Amino acid sequence: MPLNIVMIQFERHILDNGLVILMNIDKTTPLVAFNILYNVGSKNEEETKTGLAHLFEHLMFSGTESVPDFDSQTQIVGGENNAFTNADITDFYITLPAQNIETAFWLESDRMVNLVLSNEKFENEKRVVIEEFKETSINVPYGDMWHHLSGLSYSKHPYKWPTIGKKIEHIENFTIDDIFRYYNNYYHPGNAVLSISGNFEKENVIRLAEKWFGRISKTGQSEFYFQQEPKQKSSKTKIINENVPSNAIFMAFHMSGRNDNNYYAQDLISDVLGRGRSSRLYHNLVKDKEVFTDLYAYVTGNIDPGLLIVGGNFADKTDSDFAIESIQKELSLMKNKQVKKHELRKQINKIENQMAFSEIGILNKAINLAQYELLGDADLINKQEELYDKVNPEDILRESKKILLEDNCSKVLYLKS
């Protein structure tokens, strides 16, 4: 049985315009976390216009006629706000004193429909995002890794470019018409989940939701059709010669999406391989044999079929062929020999403890509830530990044989020039 079963109690209410409201009452805190998730991310972009989802996240803070400065209005009532974008979603959140919860309703409903965008603000924000692109993807070693690895791994699906965008030119070329077309298509109640966790009364939240969001129409054309990724049939390798601190490798294996029952075993494969200093890759190839100076594994956790990543930096004495061969030996063990029960149990315990810790905070609860609702049912938040706990060594072996294949692998090698 799971070690840390903590049931997150919540209620669901849906407005006539389609806005889903999830309410988790926690009377132990004087605060409220107010989270609104939009079902849109970088996978909803055209390949010739990438980076729009992330840019628009920035532009949502540009202000409206009634609220020219979103941040200052949040701070006046003692709140903090932020946002994030990934391939699947865009998420905005505010944490503030419970007695000021109506301010959050006002601010988020206002910018859902009343965004004002001058040419000056638009161009300024484009420059900010372009600088972020340069700082994270161009001016740092390995910063363009995702541009290479995602483009190598995906041929059809829009996961083939990173959330920041494929090219700076795409960001430079956006027009205000592009922005408002995107805004009108995706930023409306029928494409959003509002989740609230903290100290509030359910009846008051429903009243405020009707007051501030109820009159907003369910508009837009949020359906977006893209090609699913075909099965990869042969290995791919890209070698990049750059002035990097050390040689490095990044390997990507196609795996299941978040709604697939096999996702949990595949996630645990990455943990057994490369989560923490006691994992196989780190213990055997960094600590023991000193082939690498760092080595890890993780999953992207995408809604659609994603990737299991193995990555690391070579020790100075290690050549690329030997590095790849060393990793492949560890992968071969995963495919040919069952993991020991205690080794698997250790990783399951880590996940359960991490989930238990994350569910202490009201903001994490609000964000997680919204994300699981998008997957199909917010109550999945209460089933994760059980689903991980059900994974056994036979599942790990079966899924390892399925995904840790050379033909299913794309590699990006950075070699010092």
Protein backbone atom coordinates (compact mmCIF):
# COMPACT_ATOMS: atom_id res chain seq x y z
CA MET A 1 0.00 0.00 0.00
CA PRO A 2 1.11 3.60 -0.53
CA LEU A 3 3.03 5.15 2.32
CA ASN A 4 1.40 8.59 2.31
CA ILE A 5 -2.25 8.61 1.33
CA VAL A 6 -3.49 12.19 1.77
CA MET A 7 -6.88 12.64 0.18
CA ILE A 8 -7.39 16.09 -1.33
CA GLN A 9 -11.04 16.99 -0.83
CA PHE A 10 -12.54 19.23 -3.48
CA GLU A 11 -15.82 20.16 -5.12
CA ARG A 12 -16.46 20.94 -8.75
CA HIS A 13 -18.81 23.59 -10.10
CA ILE A 14 -19.27 24.43 -13.79
CA LEU A 15 -20.63 27.75 -15.01
CA ASP A 16 -23.03 27.91 -17.94
CA ASN A 17 -20.22 29.30 -20.13
CA GLY A 18 -18.11 26.19 -19.52
CA LEU A 19 -15.69 27.48 -16.88
CA VAL A 20 -14.77 24.60 -14.56
CA ILE A 21 -14.25 25.63 -10.93
CA LEU A 22 -12.46 23.33 -8.48
CA MET A 23 -12.58 24.21 -4.78
CA ASN A 24 -10.33 22.80 -2.07
CA ILE A 25 -11.08 24.30 1.34
CA ASP A 26 -8.19 24.50 3.81
CA LYS A 27 -9.04 26.33 7.02
CA THR A 28 -5.52 25.95 8.41
CA THR A 29 -4.20 28.87 6.34
CA PRO A 30 -5.08 32.57 6.19
CA LEU A 31 -4.38 32.54 2.44
CA VAL A 32 -6.01 31.53 -0.81
CA ALA A 33 -4.30 30.24 -3.97
CA PHE A 34 -6.23 31.27 -7.06
CA ASN A 35 -5.11 29.38 -10.17
CA ILE A 36 -6.45 29.60 -13.71
CA LEU A 37 -5.21 27.15 -16.31
CA TYR A 38 -5.79 27.65 -20.02
CA ASN A 39 -5.82 24.57 -22.22
CA VAL A 40 -3.26 25.96 -24.65
CA GLY A 41 0.51 25.68 -24.95
CA SER A 42 3.23 25.68 -27.56
CA LYS A 43 1.74 22.57 -29.22
CA ASN A 44 -1.12 24.85 -30.35
CA GLU A 45 1.20 26.86 -32.59
CA GLU A 46 1.94 26.75 -36.29
CA GLU A 47 5.46 25.66 -37.17
CA THR A 48 6.11 28.99 -38.87
CA LYS A 49 4.86 30.97 -35.84
CA THR A 50 6.38 29.35 -32.76
CA GLY A 51 6.91 30.93 -29.34
CA LEU A 52 3.48 32.55 -29.39
CA ALA A 53 2.13 30.77 -26.29
CA HIS A 54 5.07 31.91 -24.19
CA LEU A 55 5.01 35.44 -25.60
CA PHE A 56 1.32 35.72 -24.87
CA GLU A 57 1.85 34.64 -21.27
CA HIS A 58 4.05 37.75 -20.92
CA LEU A 59 1.52 39.95 -22.72
CA MET A 60 -1.26 38.94 -20.31
CA PHE A 61 0.46 41.22 -17.78
CA SER A 62 0.24 44.22 -20.13
CA GLY A 63 -2.90 45.54 -18.48
CA THR A 64 -6.47 46.53 -19.26
CA GLU A 65 -8.27 49.88 -19.25
CA SER A 66 -9.39 49.36 -15.65
CA VAL A 67 -6.15 47.67 -14.49
CA PRO A 68 -3.15 49.19 -16.32
CA ASP A 69 -0.70 47.48 -13.95
CA PHE A 70 -1.67 43.94 -12.94
CA ASP A 71 1.25 43.39 -10.56
CA SER A 72 0.66 46.55 -8.49
CA GLN A 73 -3.01 45.68 -7.95
CA THR A 74 -1.99 42.24 -6.69
CA GLN A 75 0.61 43.73 -4.34
CA ILE A 76 -1.81 46.32 -2.93
CA VAL A 77 -3.92 43.51 -1.44
CA GLY A 78 -0.88 41.60 -0.14
CA GLY A 79 -0.73 39.09 -2.96
CA GLU A 80 1.88 37.58 -5.26
CA ASN A 81 1.35 36.35 -8.81
CA ASN A 82 3.18 34.55 -11.55
CA ALA A 83 2.64 32.32 -14.56
CA PHE A 84 4.23 29.58 -16.63
CA THR A 85 3.85 28.03 -20.07
CA ASN A 86 4.80 24.64 -21.39
CA ALA A 87 3.98 22.57 -24.45
CA ASP A 88 0.49 21.71 -23.19
CA ILE A 89 -0.81 24.51 -20.95
CA THR A 90 -0.53 28.12 -19.82
CA ASP A 91 -1.11 28.72 -16.13
CA PHE A 92 -1.61 31.92 -14.08
CA TYR A 93 -1.77 32.04 -10.30
CA ILE A 94 -2.22 34.47 -7.45
CA THR A 95 -1.66 33.82 -3.74
CA LEU A 96 -3.27 36.41 -1.47
CA PRO A 97 -4.94 36.87 1.93
CA ALA A 98 -8.28 35.07 2.04
CA GLN A 99 -10.26 38.22 2.80
CA ASN A 100 -9.08 39.71 -0.51
CA ILE A 101 -10.13 36.81 -2.72
CA GLU A 102 -12.51 38.96 -4.76
CA THR A 103 -9.55 40.94 -6.08
CA ALA A 104 -8.28 37.79 -7.76
CA PHE A 105 -11.66 37.18 -9.38
CA TRP A 106 -11.74 40.76 -10.62
CA LEU A 107 -8.19 40.76 -12.00
CA GLU A 108 -8.34 37.43 -13.81
CA SER A 109 -11.82 37.90 -15.27
CA ASP A 110 -10.87 41.39 -16.45
CA ARG A 111 -7.80 40.30 -18.37
CA MET A 112 -9.61 37.28 -19.80
CA VAL A 113 -11.60 39.68 -22.02
CA ASN A 114 -10.29 43.24 -21.72
CA LEU A 115 -6.59 42.99 -22.55
CA VAL A 116 -5.22 46.25 -23.97
CA LEU A 117 -2.10 46.15 -26.07
CA SER A 118 -0.37 49.24 -27.40
CA ASN A 119 2.31 48.98 -30.06
CA GLU A 120 4.86 50.20 -27.50
CA LYS A 121 4.02 47.50 -24.92
CA PHE A 122 3.86 44.86 -27.61
CA GLU A 123 7.28 45.68 -29.01
CA ASN A 124 8.80 46.02 -25.53
CA GLU A 125 7.55 42.60 -24.50
CA LYS A 126 8.81 41.04 -27.71
CA ARG A 127 12.26 42.41 -26.89
CA VAL A 128 12.04 40.95 -23.38
CA VAL A 129 11.16 37.51 -24.74
CA ILE A 130 13.88 37.70 -27.39
CA GLU A 131 16.43 38.50 -24.68
CA GLU A 132 15.15 35.53 -22.69
CA PHE A 133 15.55 33.37 -25.80
CA LYS A 134 19.16 34.52 -26.15
CA GLU A 135 19.97 34.11 -22.45
CA THR A 136 18.50 30.61 -22.13
CA SER A 137 19.05 29.11 -25.58
CA ILE A 138 21.97 30.86 -27.29
CA ASN A 139 24.37 32.43 -24.81
CA VAL A 140 24.81 29.46 -22.45
CA PRO A 141 26.48 26.09 -23.09
CA TYR A 142 23.98 23.42 -24.20
CA GLY A 143 21.21 26.04 -24.12
CA ASP A 144 19.96 25.03 -27.54
CA MET A 145 19.78 21.36 -26.58
CA TRP A 146 15.97 21.22 -26.75
CA HIS A 147 15.96 22.89 -30.14
CA HIS A 148 18.12 20.06 -31.45
CA LEU A 149 16.73 17.11 -29.47
CA SER A 150 13.03 17.85 -29.88
CA GLY A 151 13.50 18.57 -33.57
CA LEU A 152 15.35 15.27 -33.96
CA SER A 153 12.85 13.25 -31.91
CA TYR A 154 9.65 14.55 -33.49
CA SER A 155 8.94 14.76 -37.20
CA LYS A 156 5.20 15.58 -37.13
CA HIS A 157 3.95 16.48 -33.65
CA PRO A 158 4.36 20.11 -32.49
CA TYR A 159 6.47 18.94 -29.57
CA LYS A 160 9.20 19.24 -32.21
CA TRP A 161 9.99 22.80 -31.04
CA PRO A 162 10.59 24.09 -27.49
CA THR A 163 8.15 26.38 -25.70
CA ILE A 164 10.45 29.40 -26.05
CA GLY A 165 10.09 29.08 -29.82
CA LYS A 166 11.93 27.57 -32.74
CA LYS A 167 13.52 30.77 -34.04
CA ILE A 168 13.95 34.33 -32.81
CA GLU A 169 12.63 35.49 -36.17
CA HIS A 170 9.25 33.97 -35.36
CA ILE A 171 8.97 36.19 -32.28
CA GLU A 172 10.21 39.24 -34.17
CA ASN A 173 7.60 38.76 -36.89
CA PHE A 174 4.50 38.47 -34.71
CA THR A 175 1.90 41.18 -35.25
CA ILE A 176 -0.79 42.47 -32.92
CA ASP A 177 -3.32 40.78 -35.21
CA ASP A 178 -1.58 37.43 -34.51
CA ILE A 179 -1.83 38.12 -30.79
CA PHE A 180 -5.51 39.00 -30.69
CA ARG A 181 -6.45 36.11 -32.95
CA TYR A 182 -4.70 33.80 -30.49
CA TYR A 183 -6.29 35.58 -27.51
CA ASN A 184 -9.80 35.28 -28.91
CA ASN A 185 -9.36 31.62 -29.83
CA TYR A 186 -7.97 30.30 -26.56
CA TYR A 187 -8.58 32.71 -23.69
CA HIS A 188 -12.21 32.16 -22.79
CA PRO A 189 -14.14 30.31 -20.04
CA GLY A 190 -14.78 27.20 -22.11
CA ASN A 191 -11.04 26.63 -22.45
CA ALA A 192 -10.10 27.24 -18.81
CA VAL A 193 -10.06 25.57 -15.40
CA LEU A 194 -10.20 27.74 -12.27
CA SER A 195 -8.89 25.99 -9.16
CA ILE A 196 -8.88 27.54 -5.70
CA SER A 197 -7.28 26.19 -2.55
CA GLY A 198 -7.27 27.82 0.88
CA ASN A 199 -9.48 29.48 3.44
CA PHE A 200 -12.82 30.35 1.83
CA GLU A 201 -16.50 29.50 1.83
CA LYS A 202 -17.79 27.48 -1.10
CA GLU A 203 -20.97 29.51 -1.51
CA ASN A 204 -19.00 32.75 -1.65
CA VAL A 205 -16.62 31.40 -4.31
CA ILE A 206 -19.52 30.26 -6.50
CA ARG A 207 -21.21 33.66 -6.06
CA LEU A 208 -18.03 35.50 -7.01
CA ALA A 209 -17.42 33.20 -9.97
CA GLU A 210 -20.90 33.93 -11.31
CA LYS A 211 -20.44 37.65 -10.68
CA TRP A 212 -17.06 38.03 -12.38
CA PHE A 213 -16.88 35.20 -14.93
CA GLY A 214 -20.51 34.25 -15.50
CA ARG A 215 -21.19 37.00 -18.04
CA ILE A 216 -18.14 36.17 -20.19
CA SER A 217 -19.17 34.33 -23.33
CA LYS A 218 -17.79 30.94 -24.29
CA THR A 219 -16.22 32.07 -27.52
CA GLY A 220 -13.26 31.18 -29.68
CA GLN A 221 -12.17 28.18 -31.67
CA SER A 222 -9.95 26.42 -29.17
CA GLU A 223 -9.88 23.11 -31.06
CA PHE A 224 -6.48 22.69 -32.69
CA TYR A 225 -5.64 19.76 -34.90
CA PHE A 226 -2.11 18.45 -35.34
CA GLN A 227 -0.53 15.27 -36.57
CA GLN A 228 0.29 12.56 -34.09
CA GLU A 229 3.88 11.39 -34.11
CA PRO A 230 4.47 8.15 -36.04
CA LYS A 231 6.52 5.39 -34.47
CA GLN A 232 10.25 6.02 -34.79
CA LYS A 233 11.80 3.21 -36.82
CA SER A 234 15.52 3.97 -36.67
CA SER A 235 17.99 5.70 -34.39
CA LYS A 236 18.97 9.30 -35.03
CA THR A 237 22.14 11.14 -34.04
CA LYS A 238 23.15 14.78 -34.31
CA ILE A 239 26.69 15.92 -33.50
CA ILE A 240 27.27 19.53 -32.52
CA ASN A 241 30.81 20.87 -32.41
CA GLU A 242 30.86 23.89 -30.09
CA ASN A 243 32.99 25.60 -27.49
CA VAL A 244 31.35 23.81 -24.56
CA PRO A 245 32.92 23.12 -21.12
CA SER A 246 32.80 19.36 -21.66
CA ASN A 247 31.50 16.81 -24.10
CA ALA A 248 27.91 15.87 -23.37
CA ILE A 249 25.18 13.55 -24.54
CA PHE A 250 21.39 13.81 -24.50
CA MET A 251 19.31 10.78 -25.46
CA ALA A 252 15.54 10.75 -25.99
CA PHE A 253 13.31 7.66 -26.06
CA HIS A 254 9.67 7.93 -27.10
CA MET A 255 7.28 6.94 -24.31
CA SER A 256 3.61 7.15 -23.34
CA GLY A 257 1.59 10.27 -22.57
CA ARG A 258 0.17 11.13 -19.16
CA ASN A 259 -3.15 9.34 -19.65
CA ASP A 260 -1.62 6.00 -20.59
CA ASN A 261 -1.63 3.37 -17.85
CA ASN A 262 1.96 2.45 -18.76
CA TYR A 263 3.16 5.99 -18.00
CA TYR A 264 3.76 5.16 -14.33
CA ALA A 265 6.09 2.24 -15.01
CA GLN A 266 7.96 4.27 -17.62
CA ASP A 267 8.38 7.17 -15.22
CA LEU A 268 9.80 4.76 -12.65
CA ILE A 269 12.23 3.40 -15.24
CA SER A 270 13.70 6.90 -15.50
CA ASP A 271 13.91 7.11 -11.71
CA VAL A 272 15.68 3.76 -11.33
CA LEU A 273 18.09 4.79 -14.04
CA GLY A 274 18.84 8.35 -13.14
CA ARG A 275 17.02 9.99 -10.24
CA GLY A 276 19.51 11.10 -7.64
CA ARG A 277 22.98 10.06 -6.56
CA SER A 278 21.91 6.52 -5.64
CA SER A 279 20.43 5.80 -9.09
CA ARG A 280 22.08 3.27 -11.38
CA LEU A 281 23.54 5.69 -13.90
CA TYR A 282 24.99 8.02 -11.30
CA HIS A 283 26.28 5.30 -8.99
CA ASN A 284 27.82 3.13 -11.70
CA LEU A 285 29.03 5.62 -14.29
CA VAL A 286 29.77 8.74 -12.25
CA LYS A 287 30.70 7.64 -8.76
CA ASP A 288 32.16 4.19 -9.45
CA LYS A 289 33.66 4.18 -12.96
CA GLU A 290 34.01 7.97 -13.40
CA VAL A 291 32.96 7.83 -17.05
CA PHE A 292 30.76 10.89 -16.55
CA THR A 293 30.88 13.86 -14.20
CA ASP A 294 27.09 14.01 -14.15
CA LEU A 295 24.41 11.65 -15.47
CA TYR A 296 20.64 11.62 -14.97
CA ALA A 297 17.31 10.54 -16.41
CA TYR A 298 13.79 11.98 -16.33
CA VAL A 299 10.56 12.06 -18.30
CA THR A 300 9.00 15.09 -19.97
CA GLY A 301 5.54 14.22 -18.61
CA ASN A 302 3.64 15.54 -21.61
CA ILE A 303 -0.09 15.01 -22.15
CA ASP A 304 0.59 13.49 -25.58
CA PRO A 305 3.30 10.82 -25.90
CA GLY A 306 6.50 12.34 -24.58
CA LEU A 307 10.12 11.45 -24.03
CA LEU A 308 12.33 9.69 -21.51
CA ILE A 309 15.58 11.65 -21.39
CA VAL A 310 19.05 10.40 -20.42
CA GLY A 311 21.68 13.11 -20.28
CA GLY A 312 25.07 13.90 -18.85
CA ASN A 313 28.54 15.37 -19.16
CA PHE A 314 31.60 13.27 -20.01
CA ALA A 315 34.64 13.08 -17.82
CA ASP A 316 37.67 14.57 -19.61
CA LYS A 317 39.19 11.13 -20.22
CA THR A 318 36.01 9.70 -21.81
CA ASP A 319 35.54 9.49 -25.56
CA SER A 320 32.06 9.57 -27.06
CA ASP A 321 31.93 5.96 -28.23
CA PHE A 322 32.84 4.65 -24.79
CA ALA A 323 30.34 6.99 -23.12
CA ILE A 324 27.49 5.79 -25.32
CA GLU A 325 28.54 2.16 -24.90
CA SER A 326 28.56 2.58 -21.10
CA ILE A 327 25.02 3.98 -21.07
CA GLN A 328 23.81 1.25 -23.42
CA LYS A 329 25.11 -1.44 -21.06
CA GLU A 330 23.02 0.04 -18.25
CA LEU A 331 19.98 0.22 -20.51
CA SER A 332 20.55 -3.36 -21.57
CA LEU A 333 20.43 -4.46 -17.93
CA MET A 334 17.06 -2.72 -17.56
CA LYS A 335 15.76 -4.63 -20.60
CA ASN A 336 17.11 -8.06 -19.66
CA LYS A 337 16.97 -8.36 -15.90
CA GLN A 338 14.18 -7.55 -13.48
CA VAL A 339 14.81 -4.71 -11.10
CA LYS A 340 15.00 -5.82 -7.47
CA LYS A 341 11.88 -5.17 -5.45
CA HIS A 342 13.72 -3.08 -2.86
CA GLU A 343 15.31 -0.92 -5.57
CA LEU A 344 11.91 -0.22 -7.13
CA ARG A 345 10.33 0.32 -3.73
CA LYS A 346 12.93 2.96 -2.91
CA GLN A 347 11.97 4.97 -5.99
CA ILE A 348 8.24 4.58 -5.35
CA ASN A 349 8.78 5.83 -1.81
CA LYS A 350 10.61 8.89 -3.14
CA ILE A 351 7.72 9.72 -5.45
CA GLU A 352 5.13 9.23 -2.72
CA ASN A 353 7.06 11.39 -0.29
CA GLN A 354 7.50 14.08 -2.93
CA MET A 355 3.78 14.06 -3.69
CA ALA A 356 2.86 14.18 -0.01
CA PHE A 357 5.17 17.15 0.50
CA SER A 358 3.85 19.00 -2.56
CA GLU A 359 0.26 18.59 -1.40
CA ILE A 360 0.95 20.50 1.80
CA GLY A 361 0.99 23.86 0.03
CA ILE A 362 -2.23 25.43 -1.23
CA LEU A 363 -0.64 26.69 -4.44
CA ASN A 364 0.61 23.23 -5.43
CA LYS A 365 -2.81 21.78 -4.67
CA ALA A 366 -4.53 24.38 -6.83
CA ILE A 367 -2.12 23.88 -9.75
CA ASN A 368 -2.27 20.09 -9.53
CA LEU A 369 -6.05 19.97 -9.34
CA ALA A 370 -6.34 22.02 -12.51
CA GLN A 371 -3.81 19.91 -14.37
CA TYR A 372 -5.47 16.63 -13.43
CA GLU A 373 -8.84 18.07 -14.45
CA LEU A 374 -7.36 18.77 -17.86
CA LEU A 375 -6.25 15.14 -18.02
CA GLY A 376 -9.87 14.14 -17.52
CA ASP A 377 -10.59 14.09 -13.79
CA ALA A 378 -9.24 16.23 -10.95
CA ASP A 379 -9.65 13.23 -8.64
CA LEU A 380 -6.57 11.74 -10.31
CA ILE A 381 -4.70 13.82 -7.73
CA ASN A 382 -5.86 11.24 -5.18
CA LYS A 383 -4.98 8.20 -7.27
CA GLN A 384 -1.36 8.90 -8.18
CA GLU A 385 0.22 7.13 -5.23
CA GLU A 386 -1.90 4.05 -5.81
CA LEU A 387 -1.04 3.97 -9.51
CA TYR A 388 2.69 4.20 -8.79
CA ASP A 389 2.36 1.67 -5.98
CA LYS A 390 0.86 -0.90 -8.35
CA VAL A 391 3.97 -0.95 -10.56
CA ASN A 392 5.97 -4.16 -10.10
CA PRO A 393 9.33 -5.44 -11.43
CA GLU A 394 7.56 -7.28 -14.26
CA ASP A 395 6.04 -3.97 -15.46
CA ILE A 396 9.45 -2.30 -15.38
CA LEU A 397 11.01 -5.09 -17.44
CA ARG A 398 8.14 -5.11 -19.97
CA GLU A 399 8.20 -1.34 -20.50
CA SER A 400 12.00 -1.23 -20.62
CA LYS A 401 11.96 -3.77 -23.45
CA LYS A 402 9.38 -1.60 -25.21
CA ILE A 403 10.96 1.86 -25.00
CA LEU A 404 14.72 1.51 -24.32
CA LEU A 405 15.39 0.48 -27.91
CA GLU A 406 18.11 1.84 -30.17
CA ASP A 407 15.59 2.37 -32.98
CA ASN A 408 13.45 4.39 -30.55
CA CYS A 409 16.33 6.68 -29.58
CA SER A 410 17.47 10.10 -30.76
CA LYS A 411 20.87 11.38 -29.59
CA VAL A 412 22.41 14.82 -29.50
CA LEU A 413 26.16 14.90 -28.88
CA TYR A 414 28.01 18.07 -27.95
CA LEU A 415 31.71 17.76 -28.70
CA LYS A 416 34.24 20.40 -27.79
CA SER A 417 35.48 22.19 -30.88
